[in-house]
């Protein structure tokens, strides 16, 4: 093992390991330093185990559909720990997979805690020194803790702690109805947990298109998920019996009682104890690293992913790392990712996905913006599979026909969004999608029909 590299990456999450592999592909010698499990939050206590649980939750919930075929389903033997073990198996498998990829691509994996010493020097566990021409910081983030609701791992939980629960509560209050909060509400309600979702803003998923969130809210209401929006939680009392949460909603004070409280109100950057000041790296008032073009944080030091703020998504972090490494290797690449080309995805039932500008943003940018929607039920497959709720929305410039954004709510929305996104990034027009033959019956026909709607010749609506 060498002590001197072209690039040292600190952190092995979606930004770190992707950046490291891309570096060796471009001929750079590279090492990754990781103090925990390879794969970071995403693989171990985030994206992957949560999606594994969502899969198990949907199997459990949709088992009732067999009754329509005359099958009696007995759920009395349900054991949540088995579902939880499947989620851990998925994480362990993928973590091992990333280790294999690092080895295959000749990336050195160094286990230990890294601190910056300045001058391209990284100290591991306070003993071993490594040097590099460039350093990429990719240490990610952790659940944000609010002072009135301190995590104790028993009654008041972070998302990390909730994913590690081996038994289910009978009731759960969730503070924060962003993507993580709504996904946990979906999981827990599917398994029969009584869920109360509390959001300070005026609707669930406050940053998403209101038309899409209205459909999700109706779905949640049908499933008896209680939603308190425009609600402010002021404090909580814990006991052996559970939690008692004080909430002001609609001008009235009420008490929400549950076995446990899950707090999911954002993320805090992992920037402490890295020795940032020794390397000349600055942070803002919230602890996020300040970066310039090409995510440069200081001379020879770059930072990407959750620790720099902005778009806190695994796929955004991966792309940022790729751009940094390609810049270091001398390639002509953009100075930063284009935020309008980064998709969002919410894995509820129905799913929600989107990218690009909102209608308000488009008009503020000077576009003559219009939108068209095509209902899911107009695509024959949605009816055939009994998932007719949802729509595809295309936001476009009426004069140039340029695609400005896309939103999809419905079954497999997180997969379907990429056809619109590819068209936008490749500067294709809706007519290009409209004239492309789509297999029948598929849900992707809804995307085609929405594009035809822009051109004024929708067939199935």
Protein backbone atom coordinates (compact mmCIF):
# COMPACT_ATOMS: atom_id res chain seq x y z
CA UNK A 1 0.00 0.00 0.00
CA UNK A 2 1.31 3.42 -0.96
CA UNK A 3 1.26 6.38 1.42
CA UNK A 4 1.05 8.90 -1.41
CA UNK A 5 -1.85 9.25 -3.85
CA UNK A 6 -3.21 11.47 -6.57
CA UNK A 7 -6.49 11.54 -4.65
CA UNK A 8 -7.65 10.63 -1.16
CA UNK A 9 -11.40 10.38 -0.62
CA UNK A 10 -12.74 10.67 2.92
CA UNK A 11 -16.04 8.80 3.15
CA UNK A 12 -17.29 5.79 1.19
CA UNK A 13 -20.93 6.67 0.60
CA UNK A 14 -22.48 7.26 -2.83
CA UNK A 15 -20.24 10.29 -3.38
CA UNK A 16 -17.05 8.78 -1.99
CA UNK A 17 -16.96 5.35 -3.59
CA UNK A 18 -18.27 6.59 -6.95
CA UNK A 19 -15.70 9.37 -7.04
CA UNK A 20 -12.91 6.97 -6.11
CA UNK A 21 -13.81 4.44 -8.79
CA UNK A 22 -14.10 7.17 -11.40
CA UNK A 23 -10.66 8.42 -10.36
CA UNK A 24 -8.94 5.10 -11.02
CA UNK A 25 -10.82 4.78 -14.30
CA UNK A 26 -9.15 8.03 -15.30
CA UNK A 27 -5.71 6.81 -14.30
CA UNK A 28 -5.42 8.46 -10.88
CA UNK A 29 -4.09 6.58 -7.86
CA UNK A 30 -6.73 6.75 -5.17
CA UNK A 31 -7.51 5.69 -1.61
CA UNK A 32 -10.78 5.83 0.32
CA UNK A 33 -10.75 6.33 4.09
CA UNK A 34 -13.82 5.08 5.95
CA UNK A 35 -14.41 4.99 9.72
CA UNK A 36 -17.65 3.00 9.52
CA UNK A 37 -19.39 0.63 7.15
CA UNK A 38 -18.51 0.89 3.47
CA UNK A 39 -21.38 2.42 1.52
CA UNK A 40 -22.19 5.19 3.97
CA UNK A 41 -25.65 6.15 5.15
CA UNK A 42 -27.34 5.32 1.85
CA UNK A 43 -26.42 1.65 1.77
CA UNK A 44 -26.42 0.97 5.49
CA UNK A 45 -29.03 3.11 7.24
CA UNK A 46 -30.79 5.04 4.48
CA UNK A 47 -31.89 4.51 0.90
CA UNK A 48 -31.33 0.77 0.60
CA UNK A 49 -32.76 -0.65 3.86
CA UNK A 50 -35.73 1.73 3.70
CA UNK A 51 -36.58 0.57 0.18
CA UNK A 52 -36.20 -3.05 1.27
CA UNK A 53 -38.72 -2.37 4.06
CA UNK A 54 -41.03 -0.61 1.61
CA UNK A 55 -41.00 -3.73 -0.55
CA UNK A 56 -41.91 -5.95 2.41
CA UNK A 57 -44.56 -3.47 3.57
CA UNK A 58 -46.22 -3.46 0.16
CA UNK A 59 -46.24 -7.27 -0.02
CA UNK A 60 -47.88 -7.39 3.41
CA UNK A 61 -50.41 -4.68 2.65
CA UNK A 62 -51.34 -5.94 -0.81
CA UNK A 63 -51.81 -9.51 0.39
CA UNK A 64 -55.43 -8.53 1.04
CA UNK A 65 -55.91 -8.28 -2.73
CA UNK A 66 -55.83 -12.09 -2.83
CA UNK A 67 -59.18 -12.09 -1.09
CA UNK A 68 -60.66 -10.83 -4.36
CA UNK A 69 -59.64 -14.19 -5.82
CA UNK A 70 -61.35 -16.11 -3.06
CA UNK A 71 -58.17 -16.68 -1.04
CA UNK A 72 -58.33 -16.22 2.72
CA UNK A 73 -55.22 -14.51 4.05
CA UNK A 74 -54.25 -15.11 7.67
CA UNK A 75 -51.82 -12.42 8.84
CA UNK A 76 -51.76 -13.55 12.47
CA UNK A 77 -48.28 -15.06 12.16
CA UNK A 78 -46.67 -11.85 10.92
CA UNK A 79 -43.20 -11.27 12.35
CA UNK A 80 -41.76 -7.81 11.62
CA UNK A 81 -38.28 -8.96 12.59
CA UNK A 82 -38.18 -11.10 9.45
CA UNK A 83 -38.93 -8.05 7.30
CA UNK A 84 -36.25 -6.12 9.19
CA UNK A 85 -33.72 -8.90 8.62
CA UNK A 86 -34.39 -8.73 4.88
CA UNK A 87 -33.56 -5.02 4.96
CA UNK A 88 -30.30 -5.70 6.80
CA UNK A 89 -29.43 -8.49 4.36
CA UNK A 90 -29.85 -6.07 1.44
CA UNK A 91 -27.57 -3.52 3.12
CA UNK A 92 -24.90 -6.08 4.01
CA UNK A 93 -24.93 -7.51 0.50
CA UNK A 94 -24.51 -4.14 -1.18
CA UNK A 95 -21.84 -2.99 1.27
CA UNK A 96 -19.83 -6.09 0.39
CA UNK A 97 -20.52 -5.32 -3.26
CA UNK A 98 -19.02 -1.85 -2.94
CA UNK A 99 -15.92 -3.30 -1.27
CA UNK A 100 -15.58 -5.64 -4.24
CA UNK A 101 -15.94 -2.75 -6.69
CA UNK A 102 -13.27 -0.72 -4.89
CA UNK A 103 -10.87 -3.66 -5.00
CA UNK A 104 -11.71 -4.44 -8.63
CA UNK A 105 -10.95 -0.85 -9.61
CA UNK A 106 -7.70 -0.77 -7.59
CA UNK A 107 -8.93 1.71 -5.01
CA UNK A 108 -7.14 1.32 -1.67
CA UNK A 109 -9.58 1.06 1.25
CA UNK A 110 -8.19 2.44 4.50
CA UNK A 111 -10.28 1.84 7.62
CA UNK A 112 -10.17 4.46 10.33
CA UNK A 113 -11.05 8.03 11.26
CA UNK A 114 -9.49 10.69 9.04
CA UNK A 115 -8.47 14.21 9.98
CA UNK A 116 -6.89 16.87 7.80
CA UNK A 117 -3.43 18.13 8.69
CA UNK A 118 -3.12 20.63 5.85
CA UNK A 119 -0.72 20.55 2.93
CA UNK A 120 -2.35 17.44 1.44
CA UNK A 121 -1.73 15.36 4.57
CA UNK A 122 -4.42 13.13 6.10
CA UNK A 123 -3.98 11.54 9.51
CA UNK A 124 -5.83 8.27 10.19
CA UNK A 125 -6.70 7.34 13.79
CA UNK A 126 -4.20 9.91 14.99
CA UNK A 127 -1.24 7.76 13.89
CA UNK A 128 -0.77 6.93 10.22
CA UNK A 129 -0.10 9.76 7.74
CA UNK A 130 -1.07 9.70 4.08
CA UNK A 131 -0.49 12.38 1.48
CA UNK A 132 -2.31 13.27 -1.72
CA UNK A 133 -2.22 15.89 -4.44
CA UNK A 134 -5.97 16.27 -3.98
CA UNK A 135 -8.45 15.44 -1.23
CA UNK A 136 -12.17 14.87 -1.73
CA UNK A 137 -14.36 15.25 1.34
CA UNK A 138 -17.53 13.13 1.19
CA UNK A 139 -18.53 12.51 4.80
CA UNK A 140 -22.27 12.98 4.30
CA UNK A 141 -24.82 13.93 6.91
CA UNK A 142 -26.84 12.62 9.86
CA UNK A 143 -30.41 13.18 11.11
CA UNK A 144 -30.93 16.70 12.39
CA UNK A 145 -31.81 16.80 16.09
CA UNK A 146 -34.13 19.45 17.49
CA UNK A 147 -33.48 20.53 21.12
CA UNK A 148 -37.11 19.99 22.24
CA UNK A 149 -37.03 16.44 20.86
CA UNK A 150 -33.67 14.82 21.73
CA UNK A 151 -33.11 11.35 20.31
CA UNK A 152 -33.04 8.68 23.00
CA UNK A 153 -33.38 5.62 20.74
CA UNK A 154 -36.36 4.37 22.74
CA UNK A 155 -39.24 6.81 22.66
CA UNK A 156 -37.83 9.57 20.43
CA UNK A 157 -36.20 8.21 17.31
CA UNK A 158 -34.09 9.40 14.43
CA UNK A 159 -34.55 7.84 11.00
CA UNK A 160 -31.37 5.81 11.61
CA UNK A 161 -32.79 4.41 14.84
CA UNK A 162 -36.18 3.70 13.26
CA UNK A 163 -34.53 1.61 10.54
CA UNK A 164 -32.81 -0.48 13.20
CA UNK A 165 -35.98 -1.30 15.16
CA UNK A 166 -36.66 -5.03 15.26
CA UNK A 167 -40.20 -4.69 16.59
CA UNK A 168 -43.04 -2.37 15.64
CA UNK A 169 -44.86 0.08 17.90
CA UNK A 170 -48.64 0.00 17.88
CA UNK A 171 -48.69 3.75 17.19
CA UNK A 172 -46.15 6.23 15.83
CA UNK A 173 -46.11 10.02 15.57
CA UNK A 174 -43.88 11.37 12.80
CA UNK A 175 -42.60 14.94 13.04
CA UNK A 176 -41.80 16.12 9.53
CA UNK A 177 -43.71 15.15 6.37
CA UNK A 178 -40.92 15.43 3.83
CA UNK A 179 -39.85 12.46 1.74
CA UNK A 180 -38.43 10.50 4.68
CA UNK A 181 -41.43 11.16 6.91
CA UNK A 182 -43.92 10.17 4.21
CA UNK A 183 -42.00 7.01 3.36
CA UNK A 184 -41.95 5.94 7.00
CA UNK A 185 -45.67 6.73 7.25
CA UNK A 186 -46.23 4.45 4.23
CA UNK A 187 -44.12 1.65 5.71
CA UNK A 188 -45.58 1.75 9.19
CA UNK A 189 -49.21 2.11 8.14
CA UNK A 190 -48.77 -0.81 5.73
CA UNK A 191 -47.72 -2.98 8.67
CA UNK A 192 -50.75 -1.88 10.70
CA UNK A 193 -49.15 0.81 12.85
CA UNK A 194 -51.42 3.76 13.73
CA UNK A 195 -49.61 6.78 12.22
CA UNK A 196 -49.94 10.51 12.86
CA UNK A 197 -47.96 12.68 10.43
CA UNK A 198 -47.16 16.23 11.62
CA UNK A 199 -45.92 18.95 9.25
CA UNK A 200 -45.26 22.63 9.99
CA UNK A 201 -45.89 23.70 6.39
CA UNK A 202 -49.31 23.80 4.77
CA UNK A 203 -49.11 20.39 3.09
CA UNK A 204 -47.23 17.12 3.19
CA UNK A 205 -44.12 17.02 0.96
CA UNK A 206 -44.00 20.85 1.05
CA UNK A 207 -41.35 21.16 -1.69
CA UNK A 208 -43.21 18.95 -4.19
CA UNK A 209 -45.83 19.90 -6.77
CA UNK A 210 -49.15 20.43 -4.92
CA UNK A 211 -51.12 18.49 -7.55
CA UNK A 212 -49.01 15.40 -6.89
CA UNK A 213 -49.10 15.74 -3.13
CA UNK A 214 -52.89 16.10 -3.17
CA UNK A 215 -53.14 12.60 -4.64
CA UNK A 216 -50.78 11.19 -2.00
CA UNK A 217 -52.70 12.97 0.76
CA UNK A 218 -55.95 11.39 -0.46
CA UNK A 219 -54.28 7.99 -0.47
CA UNK A 220 -52.98 8.50 3.05
CA UNK A 221 -56.42 9.60 4.23
CA UNK A 222 -58.02 6.44 2.81
CA UNK A 223 -55.45 4.42 4.71
CA UNK A 224 -56.36 6.26 7.95
CA UNK A 225 -52.98 7.99 8.27
CA UNK A 226 -53.77 11.09 10.30
CA UNK A 227 -52.18 14.24 8.85
CA UNK A 228 -51.73 17.48 10.77
CA UNK A 229 -50.43 20.18 8.42
CA UNK A 230 -49.64 23.76 9.31
CA UNK A 231 -48.96 22.27 12.72
CA UNK A 232 -46.29 23.30 15.20
CA UNK A 233 -45.00 20.85 17.79
CA UNK A 234 -43.79 22.63 20.89
CA UNK A 235 -42.71 19.86 23.23
CA UNK A 236 -42.90 16.23 24.20
CA UNK A 237 -43.20 14.22 27.38
CA UNK A 238 -41.97 10.65 27.53
CA UNK A 239 -42.92 7.84 29.89
CA UNK A 240 -42.87 4.08 30.08
CA UNK A 241 -46.17 4.09 28.20
CA UNK A 242 -45.08 6.27 25.28
CA UNK A 243 -44.90 9.91 24.20
CA UNK A 244 -47.26 12.84 24.57
CA UNK A 245 -46.66 15.55 21.98
CA UNK A 246 -48.02 19.10 22.27
CA UNK A 247 -49.15 20.35 18.85
CA UNK A 248 -50.78 23.59 17.73
CA UNK A 249 -52.86 23.03 14.61
CA UNK A 250 -55.49 25.27 13.07
CA UNK A 251 -55.26 27.67 15.99
CA UNK A 252 -56.04 24.91 18.44
CA UNK A 253 -53.78 23.13 20.89
CA UNK A 254 -53.98 19.37 20.95
CA UNK A 255 -52.06 16.45 22.35
CA UNK A 256 -50.84 13.63 20.12
CA UNK A 257 -50.15 10.41 21.97
CA UNK A 258 -48.20 7.50 20.55
CA UNK A 259 -45.85 4.72 21.53
CA UNK A 260 -42.94 6.47 19.84
CA UNK A 261 -42.03 9.72 18.10
CA UNK A 262 -39.97 9.74 14.91
CA UNK A 263 -38.30 13.10 14.18
CA UNK A 264 -37.35 13.65 10.53
CA UNK A 265 -36.84 17.38 10.04
CA UNK A 266 -33.73 17.55 7.89
CA UNK A 267 -30.08 16.61 7.99
CA UNK A 268 -26.95 17.99 9.66
CA UNK A 269 -23.55 17.80 7.93
CA UNK A 270 -20.79 15.55 9.25
CA UNK A 271 -18.09 18.21 9.35
CA UNK A 272 -16.94 18.09 12.96
CA UNK A 273 -13.54 16.68 13.99
CA UNK A 274 -12.25 16.62 10.41
CA UNK A 275 -9.63 19.30 10.96
CA UNK A 276 -11.20 21.49 8.30
CA UNK A 277 -9.59 24.65 9.66
CA UNK A 278 -6.08 23.18 9.23
CA UNK A 279 -6.77 22.73 5.53
CA UNK A 280 -8.32 26.17 5.14
CA UNK A 281 -11.83 24.80 4.61
CA UNK A 282 -14.67 27.07 5.73
CA UNK A 283 -18.23 26.30 6.79
CA UNK A 284 -21.46 28.30 7.02
CA UNK A 285 -23.52 28.91 10.14
CA UNK A 286 -25.15 25.47 9.84
CA UNK A 287 -21.85 23.65 9.44
CA UNK A 288 -22.08 22.97 5.70
CA UNK A 289 -18.81 23.29 3.79
CA UNK A 290 -18.48 26.33 1.55
CA UNK A 291 -17.39 25.48 -1.99
CA UNK A 292 -16.59 27.41 -5.15
CA UNK A 293 -16.62 26.21 -8.77
CA UNK A 294 -15.92 22.50 -9.24
CA UNK A 295 -16.79 22.06 -5.52
CA UNK A 296 -13.42 23.43 -4.47
CA UNK A 297 -13.29 24.05 -0.72
CA UNK A 298 -9.61 25.05 -0.42
CA UNK A 299 -6.38 24.57 -2.34
CA UNK A 300 -6.25 20.90 -3.24
CA UNK A 301 -9.41 20.12 -1.24
CA UNK A 302 -12.89 19.50 -2.64
CA UNK A 303 -16.19 18.67 -0.94
CA UNK A 304 -19.39 17.13 -2.29
CA UNK A 305 -22.67 15.59 -1.26
CA UNK A 306 -24.71 16.26 1.85
CA UNK A 307 -21.85 18.01 3.64
CA UNK A 308 -22.05 20.96 1.22
CA UNK A 309 -25.83 21.37 1.48
CA UNK A 310 -28.03 22.13 -1.49
CA UNK A 311 -29.53 18.97 -2.97
CA UNK A 312 -29.21 16.30 -0.29
CA UNK A 313 -29.74 13.27 -2.50
CA UNK A 314 -27.47 10.27 -3.05
CA UNK A 315 -27.57 10.49 -6.83
CA UNK A 316 -26.74 14.19 -6.74
CA UNK A 317 -23.76 13.44 -4.48
CA UNK A 318 -22.50 10.77 -6.87
CA UNK A 319 -22.68 13.13 -9.83
CA UNK A 320 -20.92 15.90 -7.93
CA UNK A 321 -18.08 13.50 -7.11
CA UNK A 322 -17.79 12.44 -10.74
CA UNK A 323 -17.51 16.09 -11.84
CA UNK A 324 -14.81 16.80 -9.25
CA UNK A 325 -12.70 13.82 -10.26
CA UNK A 326 -13.08 14.52 -13.97
CA UNK A 327 -12.02 18.13 -13.32
CA UNK A 328 -8.96 16.95 -11.40
CA UNK A 329 -8.13 14.64 -14.31
CA UNK A 330 -8.17 17.59 -16.69
CA UNK A 331 -11.50 17.03 -18.39
CA UNK A 332 -13.67 19.97 -19.47
CA UNK A 333 -16.74 19.52 -17.26
CA UNK A 334 -19.41 21.84 -15.81
CA UNK A 335 -18.47 23.72 -12.66
CA UNK A 336 -21.48 22.20 -10.87
CA UNK A 337 -24.47 20.00 -11.48
CA UNK A 338 -27.55 21.57 -13.01
CA UNK A 339 -30.16 21.34 -10.24
CA UNK A 340 -32.98 21.32 -12.79
CA UNK A 341 -31.67 18.00 -14.13
CA UNK A 342 -31.63 16.20 -10.78
CA UNK A 343 -34.71 14.01 -10.26
CA UNK A 344 -36.52 13.72 -6.95
CA UNK A 345 -38.19 10.48 -5.91
CA UNK A 346 -40.58 9.64 -3.09
CA UNK A 347 -41.22 5.92 -2.58
CA UNK A 348 -44.74 5.96 -1.21
CA UNK A 349 -47.90 4.42 -2.67
CA UNK A 350 -48.44 6.07 -5.08
CA UNK A 351 -44.87 7.11 -5.87
CA UNK A 352 -43.96 10.71 -6.69
CA UNK A 353 -41.13 11.85 -8.95
CA UNK A 354 -40.13 15.07 -10.63
CA UNK A 355 -37.43 17.37 -11.96
CA UNK A 356 -36.95 20.87 -13.29
CA UNK A 357 -38.74 24.11 -12.63
CA UNK A 358 -42.06 24.65 -10.96
CA UNK A 359 -44.64 26.72 -12.84
CA UNK A 360 -43.91 29.71 -10.62
CA UNK A 361 -40.14 29.42 -11.15
CA UNK A 362 -40.60 29.09 -14.92
CA UNK A 363 -42.69 32.24 -15.12
CA UNK A 364 -40.23 34.13 -12.92
CA UNK A 365 -37.46 33.05 -15.33
CA UNK A 366 -39.34 34.68 -18.21
CA UNK A 367 -40.85 31.58 -19.80
CA UNK A 368 -44.32 31.54 -21.27
CA UNK A 369 -44.93 28.45 -19.19
CA UNK A 370 -47.82 26.06 -19.63
CA UNK A 371 -48.47 22.58 -18.35
CA UNK A 372 -50.40 19.58 -19.53
CA UNK A 373 -51.51 16.54 -17.54
CA UNK A 374 -52.43 13.07 -18.67
CA UNK A 375 -54.29 10.82 -16.21
CA UNK A 376 -52.85 7.41 -15.40
CA UNK A 377 -56.21 5.78 -15.96
CA UNK A 378 -55.90 6.70 -19.65
CA UNK A 379 -53.08 4.17 -19.95
CA UNK A 380 -54.70 0.75 -20.19
CA UNK A 381 -52.12 -1.01 -18.05
CA UNK A 382 -52.87 1.15 -15.01
CA UNK A 383 -56.44 -0.14 -15.05
CA UNK A 384 -55.37 -3.71 -15.76
CA UNK A 385 -53.07 -3.76 -12.72
CA UNK A 386 -55.57 -1.83 -10.56
CA UNK A 387 -53.33 1.21 -10.11
CA UNK A 388 -55.27 3.94 -11.98
CA UNK A 389 -54.59 6.86 -9.64
CA UNK A 390 -52.02 9.39 -10.81
CA UNK A 391 -50.94 11.51 -13.73
CA UNK A 392 -48.02 12.68 -15.83
CA UNK A 393 -47.46 16.44 -15.99
CA UNK A 394 -45.17 18.20 -18.46
CA UNK A 395 -44.23 21.83 -17.93
CA UNK A 396 -43.12 23.50 -21.16
CA UNK A 397 -42.54 26.85 -22.86
CA UNK A 398 -45.53 27.49 -25.10
CA UNK A 399 -43.46 29.32 -27.72
CA UNK A 400 -40.32 27.16 -27.97
CA UNK A 401 -41.92 23.90 -26.78
CA UNK A 402 -38.86 23.42 -24.52
CA UNK A 403 -39.48 20.99 -21.66
CA UNK A 404 -39.00 22.93 -18.41
CA UNK A 405 -39.96 20.26 -15.93
CA UNK A 406 -41.83 17.05 -15.35
CA UNK A 407 -43.88 15.56 -12.52
CA UNK A 408 -45.32 12.08 -12.20
CA UNK A 409 -47.46 10.63 -9.44
CA UNK A 410 -48.53 7.01 -9.66
CA UNK A 411 -47.31 3.45 -9.84
CA UNK A 412 -43.59 3.25 -10.79
CA UNK A 413 -43.34 7.03 -11.11
CA UNK A 414 -39.73 6.95 -9.89
CA UNK A 415 -38.80 4.79 -12.90
CA UNK A 416 -40.93 6.57 -15.51
CA UNK A 417 -39.59 10.08 -14.80
CA UNK A 418 -36.32 9.39 -16.60
CA UNK A 419 -37.80 9.39 -20.09
CA UNK A 420 -38.86 13.00 -19.61
CA UNK A 421 -35.58 13.84 -17.89
CA UNK A 422 -33.52 12.38 -20.74
CA UNK A 423 -35.56 14.36 -23.24
CA UNK A 424 -34.94 17.54 -21.25
CA UNK A 425 -31.18 16.95 -20.88
CA UNK A 426 -30.83 15.98 -24.57
CA UNK A 427 -32.83 19.06 -25.60
CA UNK A 428 -35.52 16.95 -27.23
CA UNK A 429 -39.04 18.31 -27.62
CA UNK A 430 -42.35 16.79 -26.50
CA UNK A 431 -43.08 15.88 -30.13
CA UNK A 432 -40.05 13.56 -30.08
CA UNK A 433 -41.64 11.60 -27.24
CA UNK A 434 -45.10 11.86 -28.77
CA UNK A 435 -43.90 10.29 -32.04
CA UNK A 436 -41.93 7.48 -30.38
CA UNK A 437 -43.75 4.16 -30.47
CA UNK A 438 -44.30 2.92 -26.91
CA UNK A 439 -45.08 -0.70 -26.12
CA UNK A 440 -48.70 -1.45 -25.24
CA UNK A 441 -49.83 -1.91 -22.60
CA UNK A 442 -47.30 -0.02 -20.48
CA UNK A 443 -47.45 2.79 -17.96
CA UNK A 444 -44.93 4.65 -20.13
CA UNK A 445 -47.77 5.26 -22.58
CA UNK A 446 -48.96 7.89 -20.10
CA UNK A 447 -45.71 9.77 -20.69
CA UNK A 448 -46.24 9.53 -24.46
CA UNK A 449 -49.82 10.76 -24.18
CA UNK A 450 -48.79 13.69 -21.98
CA UNK A 451 -46.26 14.68 -24.67
CA UNK A 452 -49.01 14.39 -27.27
CA UNK A 453 -51.07 16.70 -25.07
CA UNK A 454 -48.44 19.40 -25.48
CA UNK A 455 -48.89 19.04 -29.24
CA UNK A 456 -52.70 19.04 -28.91
CA UNK A 457 -53.47 15.53 -30.07
CA UNK A 458 -53.90 13.28 -27.05
CA UNK A 459 -55.69 10.07 -28.05
CA UNK A 460 -56.80 8.41 -24.81
CA UNK A 461 -58.17 11.33 -22.79
